[in-house]
Amino acid sequence: MSFSRGPKEPVPEVETNVWSCTSDDCAGWMRESYSFEKEPTCPLCKSAMKQEVRVLPELS
């Protein structure tokens, strides 16, 4: 059995709403669609989070 090591298809990227940690010392963020709270706190440091738009790989 052989595995192809050729180029993979590029994953399309789309603008995505995310929650981003407001702490300068933390790089935490999450996709808005994966948040269970209306205004979540950072799961890493418990700081407040703000909404942003990032260009991320599209999830199928």
Protein backbone atom coordinates (compact mmCIF):
# COMPACT_ATOMS: atom_id res chain seq x y z
CA MET A 1 0.00 0.00 0.00
CA SER A 2 1.41 3.39 -0.92
CA PHE A 3 0.45 6.84 0.22
CA SER A 4 0.48 9.85 -2.06
CA ARG A 5 2.87 12.58 -0.95
CA GLY A 6 1.78 14.91 -3.74
CA PRO A 7 0.35 18.39 -3.18
CA LYS A 8 -2.88 18.47 -1.19
CA GLU A 9 -5.92 20.44 -2.29
CA PRO A 10 -5.89 23.92 -0.75
CA VAL A 11 -8.45 24.44 2.00
CA PRO A 12 -10.70 27.41 1.21
CA GLU A 13 -10.48 30.25 3.73
CA VAL A 14 -13.46 32.35 4.75
CA GLU A 15 -14.10 35.35 6.99
CA THR A 16 -15.23 33.91 10.31
CA ASN A 17 -16.67 35.57 13.43
CA VAL A 18 -14.55 34.72 16.47
CA TRP A 19 -14.23 35.65 20.13
CA SER A 20 -10.73 36.88 20.96
CA CYS A 21 -9.22 37.29 24.45
CA THR A 22 -8.71 40.92 25.51
CA SER A 23 -5.66 40.11 27.67
CA ASP A 24 -2.32 41.17 26.16
CA ASP A 25 -0.68 38.12 27.77
CA CYS A 26 -3.08 35.56 26.24
CA ALA A 27 -3.60 34.47 22.62
CA GLY A 28 -6.88 32.64 23.30
CA TRP A 29 -9.69 32.73 20.76
CA MET A 30 -12.62 30.58 19.59
CA ARG A 31 -15.00 30.46 16.68
CA GLU A 32 -18.25 32.24 17.55
CA SER A 33 -20.25 29.23 16.36
CA TYR A 34 -18.48 27.05 18.98
CA SER A 35 -19.31 29.34 21.89
CA PHE A 36 -22.14 28.34 24.23
CA GLU A 37 -22.38 31.72 25.99
CA LYS A 38 -23.65 35.09 24.75
CA GLU A 39 -20.47 36.79 26.06
CA PRO A 40 -17.91 34.09 26.89
CA THR A 41 -14.87 34.45 29.12
CA CYS A 42 -11.52 33.16 27.88
CA PRO A 43 -11.22 29.41 28.62
CA LEU A 44 -7.46 29.84 29.11
CA CYS A 45 -7.17 32.86 31.43
CA LYS A 46 -10.81 33.79 32.28
CA SER A 47 -10.44 37.34 30.87
CA ALA A 48 -13.19 39.08 28.89
CA MET A 49 -13.40 38.37 25.18
CA LYS A 50 -14.28 40.62 22.24
CA GLN A 51 -15.74 39.82 18.84
CA GLU A 52 -13.46 39.91 15.79
CA VAL A 53 -13.48 38.66 12.22
CA ARG A 54 -10.58 36.43 11.10
CA VAL A 55 -9.84 34.64 7.84
CA LEU A 56 -9.76 30.96 8.78
CA PRO A 57 -9.89 27.61 6.98
CA GLU A 58 -13.48 26.69 6.17
CA LEU A 59 -14.90 23.84 8.25
CA SER A 60 -17.03 21.32 6.41
